[in-house]
């Protein structure tokens, strides 16, 4: 027999698991998008014959996003 407190704990655990699953899905989608950007840049760089132009392709809009919360806070405050 479940008490009211047990039901609340179960609901809270279910909400937490759902939230974590949504965050994992969001992160997976982000990583997929970053891979697509990287592959696109790689193709554009390979098409260039000049080394400087290849470098320009790689440096234009870098596909990097840090998931480190400490780094995000530190750079946002500056």
Protein backbone atom coordinates (compact mmCIF):
# COMPACT_ATOMS: atom_id res chain seq x y z
CA UNK A 1 0.00 0.00 0.00
CA UNK A 2 1.41 3.38 -1.01
CA UNK A 3 1.08 6.40 1.16
CA UNK A 4 0.69 9.94 -0.13
CA UNK A 5 4.37 10.56 0.49
CA UNK A 6 5.37 7.50 -1.54
CA UNK A 7 3.18 8.66 -4.43
CA UNK A 8 4.80 12.11 -4.38
CA UNK A 9 8.28 10.56 -4.40
CA UNK A 10 7.34 8.35 -7.34
CA UNK A 11 5.90 11.31 -9.26
CA UNK A 12 8.98 13.39 -8.53
CA UNK A 13 11.28 10.59 -9.67
CA UNK A 14 9.26 10.15 -12.87
CA UNK A 15 9.43 13.89 -13.63
CA UNK A 16 13.18 13.89 -13.00
CA UNK A 17 13.71 10.91 -15.29
CA UNK A 18 11.60 12.56 -18.00
CA UNK A 19 13.57 15.79 -17.70
CA UNK A 20 16.90 13.94 -17.91
CA UNK A 21 15.71 12.03 -20.99
CA UNK A 22 14.70 15.30 -22.65
CA UNK A 23 18.11 16.82 -21.86
CA UNK A 24 19.90 13.77 -23.30
CA UNK A 25 17.80 14.01 -26.47
CA UNK A 26 18.54 17.72 -26.78
CA UNK A 27 22.28 17.12 -26.32
CA UNK A 28 22.24 14.31 -28.89
CA UNK A 29 20.51 16.60 -31.39
CA UNK A 30 23.07 19.33 -30.73
CA UNK A 31 25.97 16.92 -31.26
CA UNK A 32 24.37 15.68 -34.49
CA UNK A 33 24.10 19.26 -35.73
CA UNK A 34 27.74 19.96 -34.83
CA UNK A 35 28.85 16.89 -36.78
CA UNK A 36 26.91 18.11 -39.82
CA UNK A 37 28.57 21.54 -39.55
CA UNK A 38 31.98 19.91 -39.21
CA UNK A 39 31.44 17.70 -42.27
CA UNK A 40 30.26 20.70 -44.29
CA UNK A 41 33.35 22.70 -43.32
CA UNK A 42 35.59 19.76 -44.15
CA UNK A 43 34.09 19.48 -47.63
CA UNK A 44 34.43 23.23 -48.27
CA UNK A 45 38.04 23.22 -47.07
CA UNK A 46 38.92 20.27 -49.30
CA UNK A 47 37.56 22.12 -52.34
CA UNK A 48 39.94 25.04 -51.76
CA UNK A 49 43.35 24.79 -53.39
CA UNK A 50 45.09 27.53 -51.41
CA UNK A 51 46.15 26.83 -47.81
CA UNK A 52 45.01 30.29 -46.66
CA UNK A 53 41.54 29.78 -48.12
CA UNK A 54 41.33 26.36 -46.46
CA UNK A 55 42.15 27.96 -43.15
CA UNK A 56 39.54 30.66 -43.74
CA UNK A 57 36.90 27.97 -44.29
CA UNK A 58 37.80 26.28 -41.00
CA UNK A 59 37.86 29.52 -39.01
CA UNK A 60 34.57 30.89 -40.33
CA UNK A 61 31.86 30.28 -37.69
CA UNK A 62 33.63 27.56 -35.69
CA UNK A 63 31.33 24.62 -34.87
CA UNK A 64 32.31 24.48 -31.20
CA UNK A 65 29.97 24.67 -28.28
CA UNK A 66 31.15 23.85 -24.81
CA UNK A 67 28.89 21.88 -22.52
CA UNK A 68 31.07 22.75 -19.52
CA UNK A 69 28.89 24.90 -17.24
CA UNK A 70 31.90 26.47 -15.47
CA UNK A 71 33.25 27.74 -18.78
CA UNK A 72 29.88 29.13 -19.82
CA UNK A 73 29.52 31.09 -16.59
CA UNK A 74 33.07 32.38 -16.68
CA UNK A 75 32.84 33.68 -20.25
CA UNK A 76 29.35 35.10 -19.96
CA UNK A 77 30.31 37.24 -17.00
CA UNK A 78 33.28 38.85 -18.83
